[in-house]
Amino acid sequence: MSKNIELSAVEATSYWWTKTIIQKVREILIKKTCSQNERRFAEIFINYTERDWRKLYLELNKYIIENVNNYIPQEIIGIDCYNQDTAQNQHNDINRALSKITNKNIPDIRLASYYRKDTVIYTNIFEASIWYKSCGTTNLPTQYDPDYIITGDEKQLYFNNLFLATVAKIQEIDNDFNSISLLQKNFCKIIGSKKNLEKDKTQIEERFYIAWKNANDKDIISKIYPKYLYEIKENETNNIYIYLGTYMYSNEIDIVHGSNDTRVEYNSQNADYRTYLNLEHQFSKNIPIAQCPNFEKNNIIINPSTFFKTKAYYDIQKDFFYKATIENQEEAKKYILTKYKRLNK
């Protein structure tokens, strides 16, 4: 498996903004109605290729490092460093940078997803963090999969495009095709026979994995692995659960887990239950606190390092099914337990 790429705080910030813009353009294009400014914004980037997005990412790096270095502390309470907000009229520096990069007048629009609250990203030379206005602040990750936007790996880009063309052709012939393992076997065999590409089996399979993940992130073949979710029964899973949090009831009468229940520390004396979500089944369990030790002993519990554990759940689930569909469930299990921290381990 290819190693993650380590980015600096500024690079991670640039990458975050690049991916945010890509997602926003995609949302505007599929939305039935949008504002005039949103339409103009999408039209600027609609024909961008992977190479264009990489160029934008690299240019954003220059503008963000300049703003970080020139930032004058405001002596305010809380995080005091260079920041930009996804809200309208709150990311003027990003708009100016985009205007210079594209040589076009960038209309000011809200850059957060339609279904999410706005976020603020704070960056200094050492670290970056994100304030999710809906729930709090967390550090911006600095390790990422070897995306072409980050690496500029032309061989991987060629591999990605070849993979997408192959999948498109297969789905044109058979819209119900879902055997990704069969695709991998034959695809890598054909690629390996080409004299102008690497013949190393492991390297080719790693490139296949990256291409497959790239396609899934773009929702191009996202229908492949959800198929498994709807067929799996709880008693057929690997008993891997994601720990989502420890809670106390909001009052003594309402004993049903709801939005009013209060999240507390793992070992809080006031805790009433803990919530776990099955990795393969999307089946949640609210376990009374007295029964938690036994449940955690008899199952594999992964504890995401972030506060926003529900979001992490879907990232872990994606990793599991990528690996399971390409290889097998046993390898997927090993990969997950190597990559993510187990509870109390």
Protein backbone atom coordinates (compact mmCIF):
# COMPACT_ATOMS: atom_id res chain seq x y z
CA MET A 1 0.00 0.00 0.00
CA SER A 2 1.38 3.40 -0.95
CA LYS A 3 2.46 5.55 1.96
CA ASN A 4 0.59 8.73 2.79
CA ILE A 5 2.04 12.07 1.76
CA GLU A 6 3.05 14.42 4.58
CA LEU A 7 2.14 18.05 3.93
CA SER A 8 3.15 21.22 5.73
CA ALA A 9 0.45 23.31 7.41
CA VAL A 10 0.36 25.69 4.45
CA GLU A 11 0.26 22.87 1.90
CA ALA A 12 -2.55 21.16 3.82
CA THR A 13 -4.47 24.44 3.86
CA SER A 14 -4.00 24.90 0.10
CA TYR A 15 -5.10 21.34 -0.53
CA TRP A 16 -8.16 21.82 1.69
CA TRP A 17 -9.22 24.93 -0.24
CA THR A 18 -8.59 23.22 -3.59
CA LYS A 19 -10.75 20.24 -2.63
CA THR A 20 -13.41 22.58 -1.21
CA ILE A 21 -13.60 24.45 -4.54
CA ILE A 22 -13.77 21.18 -6.50
CA GLN A 23 -16.63 19.97 -4.31
CA LYS A 24 -18.45 23.29 -4.59
CA VAL A 25 -18.25 23.29 -8.39
CA ARG A 26 -19.58 19.73 -8.45
CA GLU A 27 -22.49 20.67 -6.18
CA ILE A 28 -23.43 23.70 -8.27
CA LEU A 29 -23.41 21.63 -11.46
CA ILE A 30 -25.84 19.04 -10.11
CA LYS A 31 -28.11 21.50 -8.30
CA LYS A 32 -31.36 22.22 -10.10
CA THR A 33 -31.32 25.92 -9.29
CA CYS A 34 -28.43 28.19 -8.36
CA SER A 35 -27.66 31.90 -8.18
CA GLN A 36 -26.11 33.83 -11.04
CA ASN A 37 -22.86 34.17 -9.12
CA GLU A 38 -22.75 30.45 -8.39
CA ARG A 39 -23.24 29.70 -12.07
CA ARG A 40 -20.46 32.11 -13.02
CA PHE A 41 -18.19 30.56 -10.41
CA ALA A 42 -18.78 27.03 -11.73
CA GLU A 43 -18.27 28.11 -15.34
CA ILE A 44 -14.75 29.30 -14.51
CA PHE A 45 -13.69 25.86 -13.30
CA ILE A 46 -16.02 23.54 -15.21
CA ASN A 47 -13.38 22.42 -17.71
CA TYR A 48 -10.53 22.07 -15.22
CA THR A 49 -8.48 18.90 -15.57
CA GLU A 50 -6.41 17.23 -12.86
CA ARG A 51 -3.39 19.17 -14.13
CA ASP A 52 -5.29 22.44 -13.81
CA TRP A 53 -6.30 21.64 -10.25
CA ARG A 54 -2.71 20.78 -9.36
CA LYS A 55 -1.53 24.10 -10.81
CA LEU A 56 -4.17 25.92 -8.77
CA TYR A 57 -3.08 24.07 -5.62
CA LEU A 58 0.58 25.00 -6.18
CA GLU A 59 -0.27 28.65 -6.83
CA LEU A 60 -2.50 28.82 -3.75
CA ASN A 61 0.49 27.65 -1.71
CA LYS A 62 2.36 30.82 -2.68
CA TYR A 63 -0.48 33.16 -1.74
CA ILE A 64 -1.26 31.44 1.55
CA ILE A 65 2.37 31.34 2.74
CA GLU A 66 2.62 35.05 1.93
CA ASN A 67 -0.50 35.82 3.96
CA VAL A 68 0.66 33.61 6.83
CA ASN A 69 4.04 35.35 6.97
CA ASN A 70 2.48 38.82 6.78
CA TYR A 71 -0.23 38.20 9.37
CA ILE A 72 -0.19 40.66 12.28
CA PRO A 73 -1.53 39.21 15.57
CA GLN A 74 -4.77 40.84 16.68
CA GLU A 75 -4.45 40.01 20.40
CA ILE A 76 -7.85 38.34 20.45
CA ILE A 77 -9.17 35.53 22.63
CA GLY A 78 -8.93 32.12 20.99
CA ILE A 79 -7.01 31.19 17.86
CA ASP A 80 -5.05 34.17 16.58
CA CYS A 81 -3.45 33.44 13.22
CA TYR A 82 -4.18 33.86 9.53
CA ASN A 83 -7.67 32.60 8.70
CA GLN A 84 -10.34 32.47 6.01
CA ASP A 85 -14.03 31.60 6.29
CA THR A 86 -16.18 29.69 3.79
CA ALA A 87 -19.02 32.16 4.41
CA GLN A 88 -19.80 34.75 1.75
CA ASN A 89 -17.67 37.93 2.07
CA GLN A 90 -15.34 36.13 4.50
CA HIS A 91 -12.71 34.63 2.16
CA ASN A 92 -11.56 37.70 0.26
CA ASP A 93 -7.91 36.61 0.23
CA ILE A 94 -8.84 33.31 -1.40
CA ASN A 95 -10.99 35.13 -3.98
CA ARG A 96 -8.14 37.52 -4.82
CA ALA A 97 -5.73 34.63 -5.20
CA LEU A 98 -8.15 32.72 -7.44
CA SER A 99 -8.68 35.82 -9.56
CA LYS A 100 -4.95 36.20 -10.14
CA ILE A 101 -4.44 32.48 -10.81
CA THR A 102 -7.31 32.20 -13.29
CA ASN A 103 -7.09 35.73 -14.74
CA LYS A 104 -10.84 35.98 -14.19
CA ASN A 105 -13.01 37.94 -11.80
CA ILE A 106 -14.07 35.41 -9.16
CA PRO A 107 -17.63 36.03 -7.93
CA ASP A 108 -18.01 35.92 -4.17
CA ILE A 109 -20.12 32.95 -3.10
CA ARG A 110 -20.49 30.77 -0.04
CA LEU A 111 -17.98 27.92 -0.45
CA ALA A 112 -19.30 25.51 2.17
CA SER A 113 -21.47 22.62 1.02
CA TYR A 114 -25.17 23.38 0.85
CA TYR A 115 -25.92 20.89 3.61
CA ARG A 116 -23.21 22.05 6.03
CA LYS A 117 -22.57 25.07 8.20
CA ASP A 118 -19.63 27.30 7.39
CA THR A 119 -16.12 26.61 8.57
CA VAL A 120 -13.05 28.70 9.31
CA ILE A 121 -9.55 27.43 8.60
CA TYR A 122 -6.69 28.85 10.70
CA THR A 123 -3.10 28.55 9.54
CA ASN A 124 0.33 29.45 10.88
CA ILE A 125 3.70 28.19 9.79
CA PHE A 126 3.55 25.20 12.13
CA GLU A 127 -0.04 23.93 12.06
CA ALA A 128 -3.53 24.43 10.72
CA SER A 129 -6.91 23.87 12.33
CA ILE A 130 -10.55 24.02 11.32
CA TRP A 131 -13.41 25.52 13.28
CA TYR A 132 -16.62 23.73 12.33
CA LYS A 133 -19.27 26.24 13.35
CA SER A 134 -21.69 23.38 13.92
CA CYS A 135 -19.60 21.59 16.53
CA GLY A 136 -16.08 22.79 17.30
CA THR A 137 -12.41 22.91 16.32
CA THR A 138 -10.04 20.16 15.23
CA ASN A 139 -6.56 20.00 13.72
CA LEU A 140 -6.33 19.86 9.94
CA PRO A 141 -4.76 16.52 8.91
CA THR A 142 -1.33 16.71 7.30
CA GLN A 143 -1.17 13.16 5.90
CA TYR A 144 -3.04 12.34 2.70
CA ASP A 145 -3.31 9.65 0.08
CA PRO A 146 -0.96 10.24 -2.90
CA ASP A 147 -3.46 12.31 -4.90
CA TYR A 148 -2.18 13.65 -8.24
CA ILE A 149 -2.99 17.20 -7.12
CA ILE A 150 -0.39 16.77 -4.38
CA THR A 151 2.21 14.60 -6.09
CA GLY A 152 2.08 15.55 -9.76
CA ASP A 153 2.79 11.89 -10.56
CA GLU A 154 2.14 11.72 -14.32
CA LYS A 155 2.29 7.92 -14.43
CA GLN A 156 -0.43 7.75 -11.78
CA LEU A 157 -2.51 10.29 -13.68
CA TYR A 158 -2.23 8.16 -16.83
CA PHE A 159 -3.19 5.10 -14.78
CA ASN A 160 -6.19 6.95 -13.28
CA ASN A 161 -7.46 8.04 -16.67
CA LEU A 162 -7.00 4.57 -18.14
CA PHE A 163 -8.88 3.07 -15.20
CA LEU A 164 -11.78 5.53 -15.56
CA ALA A 165 -12.03 4.86 -19.28
CA THR A 166 -12.08 1.11 -18.60
CA VAL A 167 -14.81 1.39 -15.96
CA ALA A 168 -16.87 3.66 -18.22
CA LYS A 169 -16.67 1.14 -21.04
CA ILE A 170 -17.54 -1.79 -18.78
CA GLN A 171 -20.56 0.02 -17.34
CA GLU A 172 -21.65 0.92 -20.85
CA ILE A 173 -21.67 -2.78 -21.71
CA ASP A 174 -22.98 -4.02 -18.35
CA ASN A 175 -24.51 -1.41 -16.07
CA ASP A 176 -24.84 -3.94 -13.24
CA PHE A 177 -21.13 -4.81 -13.20
CA ASN A 178 -19.82 -4.87 -9.62
CA SER A 179 -16.92 -7.33 -9.51
CA ILE A 180 -14.07 -4.96 -8.74
CA SER A 181 -11.79 -7.85 -7.76
CA LEU A 182 -12.21 -9.38 -11.22
CA LEU A 183 -11.54 -5.99 -12.79
CA GLN A 184 -8.38 -5.61 -10.74
CA LYS A 185 -7.03 -9.02 -11.70
CA ASN A 186 -7.47 -8.52 -15.42
CA PHE A 187 -6.66 -4.82 -15.49
CA CYS A 188 -3.34 -5.25 -13.66
CA LYS A 189 -2.46 -8.26 -15.82
CA ILE A 190 -2.95 -6.24 -19.01
CA ILE A 191 -1.10 -3.22 -17.65
CA GLY A 192 1.78 -5.42 -16.51
CA SER A 193 2.21 -6.75 -20.03
CA LYS A 194 2.81 -3.27 -21.44
CA LYS A 195 6.50 -2.65 -22.03
CA ASN A 196 6.30 1.07 -21.30
CA LEU A 197 4.87 0.63 -17.79
CA GLU A 198 6.22 -0.90 -14.59
CA LYS A 199 6.17 -4.67 -14.50
CA ASP A 200 6.41 -4.85 -10.74
CA LYS A 201 3.16 -6.51 -9.60
CA THR A 202 3.01 -4.74 -6.24
CA GLN A 203 3.56 -1.30 -7.75
CA ILE A 204 0.90 -1.85 -10.39
CA GLU A 205 -1.60 -3.02 -7.76
CA GLU A 206 -0.83 0.05 -5.63
CA ARG A 207 -1.53 2.29 -8.60
CA PHE A 208 -4.77 0.40 -9.20
CA TYR A 209 -5.82 1.01 -5.59
CA ILE A 210 -5.10 4.75 -5.91
CA ALA A 211 -7.02 4.94 -9.20
CA TRP A 212 -9.96 3.05 -7.68
CA LYS A 213 -10.01 5.37 -4.66
CA ASN A 214 -9.75 8.43 -6.91
CA ALA A 215 -12.77 7.23 -8.88
CA ASN A 216 -14.77 6.58 -5.73
CA ASP A 217 -13.95 9.99 -4.29
CA LYS A 218 -15.43 11.49 -7.44
CA ASP A 219 -18.58 9.37 -7.03
CA ILE A 220 -17.85 7.76 -10.40
CA ILE A 221 -18.16 4.18 -9.24
CA SER A 222 -19.51 4.75 -5.74
CA LYS A 223 -22.33 2.28 -6.42
CA ILE A 224 -19.84 -0.60 -6.31
CA TYR A 225 -19.21 -1.02 -2.59
CA PRO A 226 -22.55 0.22 -1.12
CA LYS A 227 -24.02 -2.90 -2.75
CA TYR A 228 -22.31 -4.93 -0.05
CA LEU A 229 -23.78 -2.78 2.73
CA TYR A 230 -27.34 -3.64 1.85
CA GLU A 231 -26.63 -7.37 1.69
CA ILE A 232 -24.73 -7.73 4.96
CA LYS A 233 -26.52 -8.86 8.10
CA GLU A 234 -25.23 -7.87 11.51
CA ASN A 235 -24.36 -11.46 12.46
CA GLU A 236 -22.27 -11.76 9.27
CA THR A 237 -19.90 -8.89 10.03
CA ASN A 238 -16.38 -8.96 11.48
CA ASN A 239 -17.68 -7.44 14.75
CA ILE A 240 -15.74 -4.24 14.19
CA TYR A 241 -17.39 -1.22 15.79
CA ILE A 242 -16.49 2.45 15.77
CA TYR A 243 -16.71 4.15 19.16
CA LEU A 244 -18.78 7.32 18.68
CA GLY A 245 -18.89 8.69 22.20
CA THR A 246 -20.01 8.43 25.80
CA TYR A 247 -23.25 10.16 26.82
CA MET A 248 -25.40 11.09 29.78
CA TYR A 249 -29.15 11.50 29.43
CA SER A 250 -30.40 15.05 29.17
CA ASN A 251 -32.97 14.31 31.89
CA GLU A 252 -34.16 11.32 33.93
CA ILE A 253 -37.42 10.92 31.97
CA ASP A 254 -36.03 10.94 28.43
CA ILE A 255 -34.00 7.75 28.28
CA VAL A 256 -33.94 7.55 24.49
CA HIS A 257 -30.72 8.65 22.79
CA GLY A 258 -31.42 11.94 21.09
CA SER A 259 -29.83 15.22 20.11
CA ASN A 260 -30.32 16.56 23.65
CA ASP A 261 -28.18 13.92 25.33
CA THR A 262 -24.87 15.31 26.57
CA ARG A 263 -21.54 13.93 25.42
CA VAL A 264 -19.09 13.40 28.28
CA GLU A 265 -15.60 11.99 28.79
CA TYR A 266 -15.08 8.27 28.26
CA ASN A 267 -14.60 7.56 31.99
CA SER A 268 -17.08 10.12 33.27
CA GLN A 269 -18.88 9.13 36.47
CA ASN A 270 -22.03 10.73 35.03
CA ALA A 271 -22.09 8.57 31.90
CA ASP A 272 -25.24 6.56 31.14
CA TYR A 273 -24.25 4.80 27.90
CA ARG A 274 -21.78 4.61 25.03
CA THR A 275 -22.61 4.53 21.33
CA TYR A 276 -20.92 2.22 18.81
CA LEU A 277 -21.51 1.86 15.07
CA ASN A 278 -20.90 -1.39 13.19
CA LEU A 279 -18.32 -0.79 10.47
CA GLU A 280 -20.03 -2.97 7.87
CA HIS A 281 -23.68 -2.79 8.77
CA GLN A 282 -24.28 0.86 9.77
CA PHE A 283 -26.08 -0.55 12.78
CA SER A 284 -25.64 1.58 15.93
CA LYS A 285 -25.75 0.27 19.48
CA ASN A 286 -26.36 2.30 22.61
CA ILE A 287 -24.87 0.15 25.37
CA PRO A 288 -25.65 0.90 29.03
CA ILE A 289 -22.45 1.95 30.76
CA ALA A 290 -22.41 -1.10 33.05
CA GLN A 291 -22.44 -3.43 30.03
CA CYS A 292 -19.75 -1.58 28.05
CA PRO A 293 -16.70 -3.44 29.44
CA ASN A 294 -18.14 -6.76 28.33
CA PHE A 295 -19.17 -5.41 24.91
CA GLU A 296 -15.73 -3.87 24.34
CA LYS A 297 -14.05 -7.12 25.40
CA ASN A 298 -16.03 -9.26 22.96
CA ASN A 299 -15.79 -6.96 19.93
CA ILE A 300 -13.14 -5.00 18.08
CA ILE A 301 -13.61 -1.31 18.90
CA ILE A 302 -11.87 1.39 16.89
CA ASN A 303 -11.51 4.80 18.50
CA PRO A 304 -11.08 7.57 15.87
CA SER A 305 -8.58 10.17 17.05
CA THR A 306 -10.82 13.06 16.01
CA PHE A 307 -13.68 14.51 18.05
CA PHE A 308 -15.92 14.22 14.98
CA LYS A 309 -16.14 10.45 15.08
CA THR A 310 -19.18 10.06 12.82
CA LYS A 311 -17.29 11.64 9.91
CA ALA A 312 -14.30 9.43 10.68
CA TYR A 313 -16.60 6.40 10.61
CA TYR A 314 -17.33 6.88 6.91
CA ASP A 315 -13.63 7.37 6.12
CA ILE A 316 -12.77 4.13 7.91
CA GLN A 317 -15.64 2.32 6.23
CA LYS A 318 -14.44 3.46 2.80
CA ASP A 319 -10.94 2.19 3.56
CA PHE A 320 -12.35 -1.16 4.64
CA PHE A 321 -14.47 -1.71 1.56
CA TYR A 322 -11.81 -0.48 -0.86
CA LYS A 323 -9.48 -3.13 0.52
CA ALA A 324 -12.16 -5.81 0.81
CA THR A 325 -13.37 -5.45 -2.76
CA ILE A 326 -9.87 -5.35 -4.20
CA GLU A 327 -8.44 -8.16 -2.06
CA ASN A 328 -10.54 -9.81 0.65
CA GLN A 329 -12.12 -9.11 4.03
CA GLU A 330 -9.24 -10.59 6.02
CA GLU A 331 -6.76 -8.22 4.37
CA ALA A 332 -9.20 -5.35 4.84
CA LYS A 333 -9.46 -6.16 8.53
CA LYS A 334 -5.68 -6.26 8.94
CA TYR A 335 -5.35 -2.96 7.10
CA ILE A 336 -7.97 -1.20 9.24
CA LEU A 337 -6.49 -2.44 12.51
CA THR A 338 -3.03 -1.33 11.43
CA LYS A 339 -4.11 2.12 10.26
CA TYR A 340 -6.55 3.04 13.04
CA LYS A 341 -6.20 3.05 16.80
CA ARG A 342 -8.21 0.55 18.83
CA LEU A 343 -10.04 1.62 21.98
CA ASN A 344 -7.95 1.11 25.13
CA LYS A 345 -5.06 -0.46 23.21
